Amino acid sequence: MNAHTRLLLLVTVALLALTLLAGPAAAQEDVMDDVTTEQPVEDENGRRPLADNPRDRLGLLLLTALFVGGGVALVNGRRQLKGENPQASGEFRWR
């Protein structure tokens, strides 16, 4: 693949990504007015719950798993680059 084809592919993918982001954002302008007028739901202690419905709870669980997995990956990468793993020498080599 030459440079012109890569540039064209990169520009096309960037425009497609922007289109996919702009479409739903433009469609939700009217919905945002309804959401902002709702009163927050509070429990018996007077606190607002973190996740209102099961979909939000699943999203919180997935985000937590993402952050924990990212932290484990960073720790493992640091150990690998420092040569602390028994299999690792700490030097970079192509495979």
PDB file of N, CA and C in Angstrom:
ATOM      1  N   MET A   1       0.846  -1.166   0.000  1.00  0.00           N
ATOM      2  CA  MET A   1       0.000   0.000   0.000  1.00  0.00           C
ATOM      3  C   MET A   1       0.898   1.238   0.000  1.00  0.00           C
ATOM      4  N   ASN A   2       0.656   2.129  -0.955  1.00  0.00           N
ATOM      5  CA  ASN A   2       1.497   3.327  -0.997  1.00  0.00           C
ATOM      6  C   ASN A   2       0.924   4.428  -0.095  1.00  0.00           C
ATOM      7  N   ALA A   3       1.638   5.537  -0.035  1.00  0.00           N
ATOM      8  CA  ALA A   3       1.276   6.604   0.905  1.00  0.00           C
ATOM      9  C   ALA A   3      -0.063   7.252   0.559  1.00  0.00           C
ATOM     10  N   HIS A   4      -0.366   7.413  -0.725  1.00  0.00           N
ATOM     11  CA  HIS A   4      -1.628   8.054  -1.108  1.00  0.00           C
ATOM     12  C   HIS A   4      -2.820   7.190  -0.714  1.00  0.00           C
ATOM     13  N   THR A   5      -2.691   5.894  -0.888  1.00  0.00           N
ATOM     14  CA  THR A   5      -3.792   4.999  -0.520  1.00  0.00           C
ATOM     15  C   THR A   5      -3.991   4.988   0.989  1.00  0.00           C
ATOM     16  N   ARG A   6      -2.911   4.974   1.743  1.00  0.00           N
ATOM     17  CA  ARG A   6      -3.026   4.999   3.204  1.00  0.00           C
ATOM     18  C   ARG A   6      -3.662   6.296   3.685  1.00  0.00           C
ATOM     19  N   LEU A   7      -3.262   7.420   3.087  1.00  0.00           N
ATOM     20  CA  LEU A   7      -3.839   8.703   3.479  1.00  0.00           C
ATOM     21  C   LEU A   7      -5.327   8.748   3.163  1.00  0.00           C
ATOM     22  N   LEU A   8      -5.707   8.271   1.973  1.00  0.00           N
ATOM     23  CA  LEU A   8      -7.121   8.242   1.605  1.00  0.00           C
ATOM     24  C   LEU A   8      -7.908   7.344   2.551  1.00  0.00           C
ATOM     25  N   LEU A   9      -7.358   6.194   2.895  1.00  0.00           N
ATOM     26  CA  LEU A   9      -8.021   5.279   3.822  1.00  0.00           C
ATOM     27  C   LEU A   9      -8.160   5.912   5.205  1.00  0.00           C
ATOM     28  N   LEU A  10      -7.117   6.587   5.662  1.00  0.00           N
ATOM     29  CA  LEU A  10      -7.154   7.244   6.970  1.00  0.00           C
ATOM     30  C   LEU A  10      -8.207   8.346   7.008  1.00  0.00           C
ATOM     31  N   VAL A  11      -8.277   9.157   5.968  1.00  0.00           N
ATOM     32  CA  VAL A  11      -9.265  10.245   5.906  1.00  0.00           C
ATOM     33  C   VAL A  11     -10.673   9.671   5.844  1.00  0.00           C
ATOM     34  N   THR A  12     -10.856   8.601   5.071  1.00  0.00           N
ATOM     35  CA  THR A  12     -12.180   7.980   4.958  1.00  0.00           C
ATOM     36  C   THR A  12     -12.637   7.416   6.301  1.00  0.00           C
ATOM     37  N   VAL A  13     -11.753   6.745   7.005  1.00  0.00           N
ATOM     38  CA  VAL A  13     -12.110   6.180   8.306  1.00  0.00           C
ATOM     39  C   VAL A  13     -12.405   7.289   9.317  1.00  0.00           C
ATOM     40  N   ALA A  14     -11.634   8.362   9.284  1.00  0.00           N
ATOM     41  CA  ALA A  14     -11.875   9.480  10.197  1.00  0.00           C
ATOM     42  C   ALA A  14     -13.235  10.125   9.925  1.00  0.00           C
ATOM     43  N   LEU A  15     -13.577  10.322   8.657  1.00  0.00           N
ATOM     44  CA  LEU A  15     -14.886  10.898   8.321  1.00  0.00           C
ATOM     45  C   LEU A  15     -16.026   9.967   8.717  1.00  0.00           C
ATOM     46  N   LEU A  16     -15.838   8.669   8.523  1.00  0.00           N
ATOM     47  CA  LEU A  16     -16.865   7.711   8.926  1.00  0.00           C
ATOM     48  C   LEU A  16     -17.054   7.729  10.440  1.00  0.00           C
ATOM     49  N   ALA A  17     -15.969   7.802  11.189  1.00  0.00           N
ATOM     50  CA  ALA A  17     -16.075   7.851  12.652  1.00  0.00           C
ATOM     51  C   ALA A  17     -16.790   9.117  13.106  1.00  0.00           C
ATOM     52  N   LEU A  18     -16.473  10.253  12.488  1.00  0.00           N
ATOM     53  CA  LEU A  18     -17.159  11.499  12.845  1.00  0.00           C
ATOM     54  C   LEU A  18     -18.636  11.439  12.492  1.00  0.00           C
ATOM     55  N   THR A  19     -18.966  10.814  11.375  1.00  0.00           N
ATOM     56  CA  THR A  19     -20.366  10.671  10.982  1.00  0.00           C
ATOM     57  C   THR A  19     -21.114   9.795  11.977  1.00  0.00           C
ATOM     58  N   LEU A  20     -20.487   8.706  12.402  1.00  0.00           N
ATOM     59  CA  LEU A  20     -21.132   7.828  13.368  1.00  0.00           C
ATOM     60  C   LEU A  20     -21.321   8.507  14.719  1.00  0.00           C
ATOM     61  N   LEU A  21     -20.436   9.437  15.063  1.00  0.00           N
ATOM     62  CA  LEU A  21     -20.584  10.168  16.315  1.00  0.00           C
ATOM     63  C   LEU A  21     -21.613  11.286  16.204  1.00  0.00           C
ATOM     64  N   ALA A  22     -21.650  11.960  15.064  1.00  0.00           N
ATOM     65  CA  ALA A  22     -22.523  13.126  14.920  1.00  0.00           C
ATOM     66  C   ALA A  22     -23.983  12.738  14.731  1.00  0.00           C
ATOM     67  N   GLY A  23     -24.260  11.601  14.118  1.00  0.00           N
ATOM     68  CA  GLY A  23     -25.639  11.177  13.860  1.00  0.00           C
ATOM     69  C   GLY A  23     -26.464  11.038  15.126  1.00  0.00           C
ATOM     70  N   PRO A  24     -26.067  10.197  16.068  1.00  0.00           N
ATOM     71  CA  PRO A  24     -26.847  10.064  17.296  1.00  0.00           C
ATOM     72  C   PRO A  24     -26.866  11.335  18.142  1.00  0.00           C
ATOM     73  N   ALA A  25     -25.796  12.111  18.110  1.00  0.00           N
ATOM     74  CA  ALA A  25     -25.771  13.345  18.896  1.00  0.00           C
ATOM     75  C   ALA A  25     -26.799  14.337  18.362  1.00  0.00           C
ATOM     76  N   ALA A  26     -26.954  14.410  17.053  1.00  0.00           N
ATOM     77  CA  ALA A  26     -27.938  15.321  16.464  1.00  0.00           C
ATOM     78  C   ALA A  26     -29.357  14.838  16.730  1.00  0.00           C
ATOM     79  N   ALA A  27     -29.554  13.541  16.811  1.00  0.00           N
ATOM     80  CA  ALA A  27     -30.889  12.993  17.019  1.00  0.00           C
ATOM     81  C   ALA A  27     -31.360  13.160  18.455  1.00  0.00           C
ATOM     82  N   GLN A  28     -30.478  13.382  19.404  1.00  0.00           N
ATOM     83  CA  GLN A  28     -30.858  13.447  20.808  1.00  0.00           C
ATOM     84  C   GLN A  28     -31.037  14.865  21.333  1.00  0.00           C
ATOM     85  N   GLU A  29     -31.106  15.847  20.478  1.00  0.00           N
ATOM     86  CA  GLU A  29     -31.279  17.221  20.962  1.00  0.00           C
ATOM     87  C   GLU A  29     -32.608  17.402  21.681  1.00  0.00           C
ATOM     88  N   ASP A  30     -33.686  16.825  21.142  1.00  0.00           N
ATOM     89  CA  ASP A  30     -34.999  16.970  21.760  1.00  0.00           C
ATOM     90  C   ASP A  30     -35.109  16.141  23.034  1.00  0.00           C
ATOM     91  N   VAL A  31     -34.425  15.032  23.101  1.00  0.00           N
ATOM     92  CA  VAL A  31     -34.499  14.156  24.263  1.00  0.00           C
ATOM     93  C   VAL A  31     -33.834  14.813  25.463  1.00  0.00           C
ATOM     94  N   MET A  32     -32.808  15.596  25.251  1.00  0.00           N
ATOM     95  CA  MET A  32     -32.096  16.218  26.362  1.00  0.00           C
ATOM     96  C   MET A  32     -32.975  17.196  27.143  1.00  0.00           C
ATOM     97  N   ASP A  33     -33.939  17.829  26.492  1.00  0.00           N
ATOM     98  CA  ASP A  33     -34.835  18.728  27.207  1.00  0.00           C
ATOM     99  C   ASP A  33     -35.685  17.972  28.225  1.00  0.00           C
ATOM    100  N   ASP A  34     -36.142  16.769  27.851  1.00  0.00           N
ATOM    101  CA  ASP A  34     -36.956  15.972  28.760  1.00  0.00           C
ATOM    102  C   ASP A  34     -36.135  15.447  29.931  1.00  0.00           C
ATOM    103  N   VAL A  35     -34.887  15.100  29.677  1.00  0.00           N
ATOM    104  CA  VAL A  35     -34.043  14.526  30.727  1.00  0.00           C
ATOM    105  C   VAL A  35     -33.687  15.575  31.774  1.00  0.00           C
ATOM    106  N   THR A  36     -33.434  16.804  31.354  1.00  0.00           N
ATOM    107  CA  THR A  36     -33.009  17.824  32.313  1.00  0.00           C
ATOM    108  C   THR A  36     -34.143  18.294  33.216  1.00  0.00           C
ATOM    109  N   THR A  37     -35.404  18.101  32.825  1.00  0.00           N
ATOM    110  CA  THR A  37     -36.513  18.556  33.654  1.00  0.00           C
ATOM    111  C   THR A  37     -36.919  17.546  34.709  1.00  0.00           C
ATOM    112  N   GLU A  38     -36.392  16.310  34.636  1.00  0.00           N
ATOM    113  CA  GLU A  38     -36.747  15.296  35.628  1.00  0.00           C
ATOM    114  C   GLU A  38     -36.069  15.595  36.959  1.00  0.00           C
ATOM    115  N   GLN A  39     -36.760  15.255  38.034  1.00  0.00           N
ATOM    116  CA  GLN A  39     -36.198  15.409  39.362  1.00  0.00           C
ATOM    117  C   GLN A  39     -35.362  14.175  39.693  1.00  0.00           C
ATOM    118  N   PRO A  40     -34.238  14.327  40.361  1.00  0.00           N
ATOM    119  CA  PRO A  40     -33.435  13.152  40.714  1.00  0.00           C
ATOM    120  C   PRO A  40     -34.169  12.259  41.704  1.00  0.00           C
ATOM    121  N   VAL A  41     -34.027  10.964  41.512  1.00  0.00           N
ATOM    122  CA  VAL A  41     -34.680   9.993  42.386  1.00  0.00           C
ATOM    123  C   VAL A  41     -33.772   9.759  43.586  1.00  0.00           C
ATOM    124  N   GLU A  42     -34.352   9.807  44.771  1.00  0.00           N
ATOM    125  CA  GLU A  42     -33.580   9.616  45.996  1.00  0.00           C
ATOM    126  C   GLU A  42     -34.125   8.414  46.748  1.00  0.00           C
ATOM    127  N   ASP A  43     -33.256   7.719  47.465  1.00  0.00           N
ATOM    128  CA  ASP A  43     -33.709   6.598  48.278  1.00  0.00           C
ATOM    129  C   ASP A  43     -34.118   7.094  49.663  1.00  0.00           C
ATOM    130  N   GLU A  44     -34.384   6.161  50.574  1.00  0.00           N
ATOM    131  CA  GLU A  44     -34.883   6.561  51.901  1.00  0.00           C
ATOM    132  C   GLU A  44     -33.854   7.315  52.727  1.00  0.00           C
ATOM    133  N   ASN A  45     -32.575   7.193  52.400  1.00  0.00           N
ATOM    134  CA  ASN A  45     -31.542   7.918  53.136  1.00  0.00           C
ATOM    135  C   ASN A  45     -31.311   9.322  52.586  1.00  0.00           C
ATOM    136  N   GLY A  46     -31.986   9.677  51.514  1.00  0.00           N
ATOM    137  CA  GLY A  46     -31.809  10.988  50.921  1.00  0.00           C
ATOM    138  C   GLY A  46     -30.665  11.059  49.924  1.00  0.00           C
ATOM    139  N   ARG A  47     -30.057   9.914  49.610  1.00  0.00           N
ATOM    140  CA  ARG A  47     -28.960   9.895  48.647  1.00  0.00           C
ATOM    141  C   ARG A  47     -29.459   9.457  47.280  1.00  0.00           C
ATOM    142  N   ARG A  48     -28.855   9.981  46.259  1.00  0.00           N
ATOM    143  CA  ARG A  48     -29.203   9.595  44.890  1.00  0.00           C
ATOM    144  C   ARG A  48     -28.416   8.340  44.543  1.00  0.00           C
ATOM    145  N   PRO A  49     -29.071   7.305  43.989  1.00  0.00           N
ATOM    146  CA  PRO A  49     -28.341   6.075  43.668  1.00  0.00           C
ATOM    147  C   PRO A  49     -27.352   6.293  42.525  1.00  0.00           C
ATOM    148  N   LEU A  50     -26.271   5.537  42.546  1.00  0.00           N
ATOM    149  CA  LEU A  50     -25.238   5.651  41.522  1.00  0.00           C
ATOM    150  C   LEU A  50     -25.736   5.126  40.183  1.00  0.00           C
ATOM    151  N   ALA A  51     -26.420   3.999  40.179  1.00  0.00           N
ATOM    152  CA  ALA A  51     -26.953   3.414  38.953  1.00  0.00           C
ATOM    153  C   ALA A  51     -28.456   3.246  39.113  1.00  0.00           C
ATOM    154  N   ASP A  52     -29.200   3.884  38.222  1.00  0.00           N
ATOM    155  CA  ASP A  52     -30.655   3.876  38.346  1.00  0.00           C
ATOM    156  C   ASP A  52     -31.302   2.601  37.837  1.00  0.00           C
ATOM    157  N   ASN A  53     -30.706   1.966  36.826  1.00  0.00           N
ATOM    158  CA  ASN A  53     -31.332   0.785  36.235  1.00  0.00           C
ATOM    159  C   ASN A  53     -30.278  -0.290  35.975  1.00  0.00           C
ATOM    160  N   PRO A  54     -30.703  -1.498  35.615  1.00  0.00           N
ATOM    161  CA  PRO A  54     -29.741  -2.593  35.399  1.00  0.00           C
ATOM    162  C   PRO A  54     -28.742  -2.313  34.274  1.00  0.00           C
ATOM    163  N   ARG A  55     -29.130  -1.566  33.269  1.00  0.00           N
ATOM    164  CA  ARG A  55     -28.200  -1.244  32.184  1.00  0.00           C
ATOM    165  C   ARG A  55     -27.054  -0.370  32.694  1.00  0.00           C
ATOM    166  N   ASP A  56     -27.369   0.583  33.571  1.00  0.00           N
ATOM    167  CA  ASP A  56     -26.321   1.420  34.159  1.00  0.00           C
ATOM    168  C   ASP A  56     -25.400   0.603  35.066  1.00  0.00           C
ATOM    169  N   ARG A  57     -25.990  -0.349  35.813  1.00  0.00           N
ATOM    170  CA  ARG A  57     -25.170  -1.197  36.682  1.00  0.00           C
ATOM    171  C   ARG A  57     -24.205  -2.050  35.863  1.00  0.00           C
ATOM    172  N   LEU A  58     -24.686  -2.588  34.741  1.00  0.00           N
ATOM    173  CA  LEU A  58     -23.820  -3.379  33.871  1.00  0.00           C
ATOM    174  C   LEU A  58     -22.700  -2.508  33.302  1.00  0.00           C
ATOM    175  N   GLY A  59     -23.035  -1.286  32.928  1.00  0.00           N
ATOM    176  CA  GLY A  59     -22.014  -0.373  32.425  1.00  0.00           C
ATOM    177  C   GLY A  59     -20.956  -0.078  33.470  1.00  0.00           C
ATOM    178  N   LEU A  60     -21.376   0.113  34.720  1.00  0.00           N
ATOM    179  CA  LEU A  60     -20.408   0.350  35.799  1.00  0.00           C
ATOM    180  C   LEU A  60     -19.520  -0.867  36.029  1.00  0.00           C
ATOM    181  N   LEU A  61     -20.112  -2.055  35.947  1.00  0.00           N
ATOM    182  CA  LEU A  61     -19.309  -3.274  36.101  1.00  0.00           C
ATOM    183  C   LEU A  61     -18.292  -3.409  34.969  1.00  0.00           C
ATOM    184  N   LEU A  62     -18.706  -3.115  33.745  1.00  0.00           N
ATOM    185  CA  LEU A  62     -17.788  -3.206  32.609  1.00  0.00           C
ATOM    186  C   LEU A  62     -16.669  -2.170  32.711  1.00  0.00           C
ATOM    187  N   LEU A  63     -16.999  -0.957  33.129  1.00  0.00           N
ATOM    188  CA  LEU A  63     -15.962   0.058  33.302  1.00  0.00           C
ATOM    189  C   LEU A  63     -14.982  -0.327  34.404  1.00  0.00           C
ATOM    190  N   THR A  64     -15.497  -0.894  35.488  1.00  0.00           N
ATOM    191  CA  THR A  64     -14.623  -1.342  36.566  1.00  0.00           C
ATOM    192  C   THR A  64     -13.684  -2.442  36.078  1.00  0.00           C
ATOM    193  N   ALA A  65     -14.229  -3.399  35.318  1.00  0.00           N
ATOM    194  CA  ALA A  65     -13.397  -4.473  34.776  1.00  0.00           C
ATOM    195  C   ALA A  65     -12.351  -3.911  33.817  1.00  0.00           C
ATOM    196  N   LEU A  66     -12.712  -2.894  33.044  1.00  0.00           N
ATOM    197  CA  LEU A  66     -11.770  -2.274  32.114  1.00  0.00           C
ATOM    198  C   LEU A  66     -10.620  -1.612  32.872  1.00  0.00           C
ATOM    199  N   PHE A  67     -10.924  -0.862  33.915  1.00  0.00           N
ATOM    200  CA  PHE A  67      -9.882  -0.186  34.682  1.00  0.00           C
ATOM    201  C   PHE A  67      -8.998  -1.182  35.440  1.00  0.00           C
ATOM    202  N   VAL A  68      -9.596  -2.231  36.002  1.00  0.00           N
ATOM    203  CA  VAL A  68      -8.806  -3.238  36.701  1.00  0.00           C
ATOM    204  C   VAL A  68      -7.895  -3.971  35.716  1.00  0.00           C
ATOM    205  N   GLY A  69      -8.438  -4.346  34.557  1.00  0.00           N
ATOM    206  CA  GLY A  69      -7.629  -5.010  33.543  1.00  0.00           C
ATOM    207  C   GLY A  69      -6.507  -4.124  33.034  1.00  0.00           C
ATOM    208  N   GLY A  70      -6.788  -2.833  32.860  1.00  0.00           N
ATOM    209  CA  GLY A  70      -5.743  -1.898  32.440  1.00  0.00           C
ATOM    210  C   GLY A  70      -4.652  -1.763  33.483  1.00  0.00           C
ATOM    211  N   GLY A  71      -5.035  -1.744  34.748  1.00  0.00           N
ATOM    212  CA  GLY A  71      -4.036  -1.669  35.815  1.00  0.00           C
ATOM    213  C   GLY A  71      -3.164  -2.911  35.868  1.00  0.00           C
ATOM    214  N   VAL A  72      -3.778  -4.082  35.703  1.00  0.00           N
ATOM    215  CA  VAL A  72      -3.012  -5.329  35.679  1.00  0.00           C
ATOM    216  C   VAL A  72      -2.058  -5.338  34.487  1.00  0.00           C
ATOM    217  N   ALA A  73      -2.523  -4.865  33.339  1.00  0.00           N
ATOM    218  CA  ALA A  73      -1.673  -4.820  32.152  1.00  0.00           C
ATOM    219  C   ALA A  73      -0.490  -3.869  32.357  1.00  0.00           C
ATOM    220  N   LEU A  74      -0.729  -2.723  32.994  1.00  0.00           N
ATOM    221  CA  LEU A  74       0.366  -1.791  33.253  1.00  0.00           C
ATOM    222  C   LEU A  74       1.396  -2.382  34.207  1.00  0.00           C
ATOM    223  N   VAL A  75       0.925  -3.043  35.256  1.00  0.00           N
ATOM    224  CA  VAL A  75       1.848  -3.661  36.215  1.00  0.00           C
ATOM    225  C   VAL A  75       2.655  -4.758  35.536  1.00  0.00           C
ATOM    226  N   ASN A  76       1.986  -5.577  34.731  1.00  0.00           N
ATOM    227  CA  ASN A  76       2.679  -6.647  34.036  1.00  0.00           C
ATOM    228  C   ASN A  76       3.678  -6.081  33.020  1.00  0.00           C
ATOM    229  N   GLY A  77       3.303  -5.041  32.315  1.00  0.00           N
ATOM    230  CA  GLY A  77       4.222  -4.423  31.355  1.00  0.00           C
ATOM    231  C   GLY A  77       5.441  -3.831  32.037  1.00  0.00           C
ATOM    232  N   ARG A  78       5.240  -3.210  33.189  1.00  0.00           N
ATOM    233  CA  ARG A  78       6.364  -2.650  33.936  1.00  0.00           C
ATOM    234  C   ARG A  78       7.308  -3.747  34.402  1.00  0.00           C
ATOM    235  N   ARG A  79       6.732  -4.824  34.908  1.00  0.00           N
ATOM    236  CA  ARG A  79       7.566  -5.954  35.344  1.00  0.00           C
ATOM    237  C   ARG A  79       8.316  -6.565  34.168  1.00  0.00           C
ATOM    238  N   GLN A  80       7.663  -6.650  33.033  1.00  0.00           N
ATOM    239  CA  GLN A  80       8.293  -7.239  31.849  1.00  0.00           C
ATOM    240  C   GLN A  80       9.462  -6.381  31.377  1.00  0.00           C
ATOM    241  N   LEU A  81       9.262  -5.064  31.340  1.00  0.00           N
ATOM    242  CA  LEU A  81      10.322  -4.178  30.850  1.00  0.00           C
ATOM    243  C   LEU A  81      11.483  -4.058  31.841  1.00  0.00           C
ATOM    244  N   LYS A  82      11.202  -4.197  33.129  1.00  0.00           N
ATOM    245  CA  LYS A  82      12.279  -4.138  34.114  1.00  0.00           C
ATOM    246  C   LYS A  82      13.031  -5.462  34.221  1.00  0.00           C
ATOM    247  N   GLY A  83      12.505  -6.520  33.605  1.00  0.00           N
ATOM    248  CA  GLY A  83      13.174  -7.817  33.642  1.00  0.00           C
ATOM    249  C   GLY A  83      12.914  -8.595  34.903  1.00  0.00           C
ATOM    250  N   GLU A  84      11.827  -8.297  35.611  1.00  0.00           N
ATOM    251  CA  GLU A  84      11.522  -8.995  36.856  1.00  0.00           C
ATOM    252  C   GLU A  84      10.872 -10.349  36.631  1.00  0.00           C
ATOM    253  N   ASN A  85      10.236 -10.552  35.459  1.00  0.00           N
ATOM    254  CA  ASN A  85       9.667 -11.858  35.153  1.00  0.00           C
ATOM    255  C   ASN A  85      10.808 -12.827  34.839  1.00  0.00           C
ATOM    256  N   PRO A  86      10.696 -14.096  35.230  1.00  0.00           N
ATOM    257  CA  PRO A  86      11.788 -15.038  34.988  1.00  0.00           C
ATOM    258  C   PRO A  86      12.092 -15.229  33.500  1.00  0.00           C
ATOM    259  N   GLN A  87      11.082 -15.082  32.641  1.00  0.00           N
ATOM    260  CA  GLN A  87      11.287 -15.293  31.216  1.00  0.00           C
ATOM    261  C   GLN A  87      11.839 -14.050  30.532  1.00  0.00           C
ATOM    262  N   ALA A  88      11.803 -12.901  31.186  1.00  0.00           N
ATOM    263  CA  ALA A  88      12.134 -11.642  30.532  1.00  0.00           C
ATOM    264  C   ALA A  88      13.537 -11.195  30.904  1.00  0.00           C
ATOM    265  N   SER A  89      14.244 -10.688  29.907  1.00  0.00           N
ATOM    266  CA  SER A  89      15.571 -10.140  30.166  1.00  0.00           C
ATOM    267  C   SER A  89      15.518  -8.620  30.290  1.00  0.00           C
ATOM    268  N   GLY A  90      14.399  -8.008  29.879  1.00  0.00           N
ATOM    269  CA  GLY A  90      14.262  -6.564  29.954  1.00  0.00           C
ATOM    270  C   GLY A  90      14.673  -5.853  28.691  1.00  0.00           C
ATOM    271  N   GLU A  91      15.232  -6.570  27.729  1.00  0.00           N
ATOM    272  CA  GLU A  91      15.641  -5.933  26.476  1.00  0.00           C
ATOM    273  C   GLU A  91      14.573  -6.157  25.411  1.00  0.00           C
ATOM    274  N   PHE A  92      14.483  -5.200  24.493  1.00  0.00           N
ATOM    275  CA  PHE A  92      13.478  -5.287  23.430  1.00  0.00           C
ATOM    276  C   PHE A  92      14.048  -6.088  22.274  1.00  0.00           C
ATOM    277  N   ARG A  93      13.249  -6.996  21.751  1.00  0.00           N
ATOM    278  CA  ARG A  93      13.682  -7.734  20.568  1.00  0.00           C
ATOM    279  C   ARG A  93      12.464  -8.026  19.698  1.00  0.00           C
ATOM    280  N   TRP A  94      12.672  -8.046  18.405  1.00  0.00           N
ATOM    281  CA  TRP A  94      11.608  -8.336  17.461  1.00  0.00           C
ATOM    282  C   TRP A  94      11.335  -9.825  17.469  1.00  0.00           C
ATOM    283  N   ARG A  95      10.121 -10.193  17.307  1.00  0.00           N
ATOM    284  CA  ARG A  95       9.757 -11.610  17.273  1.00  0.00           C
ATOM    285  C   ARG A  95       9.469 -12.035  15.875  1.00  0.00           C
TER     286      ARG A  95
END
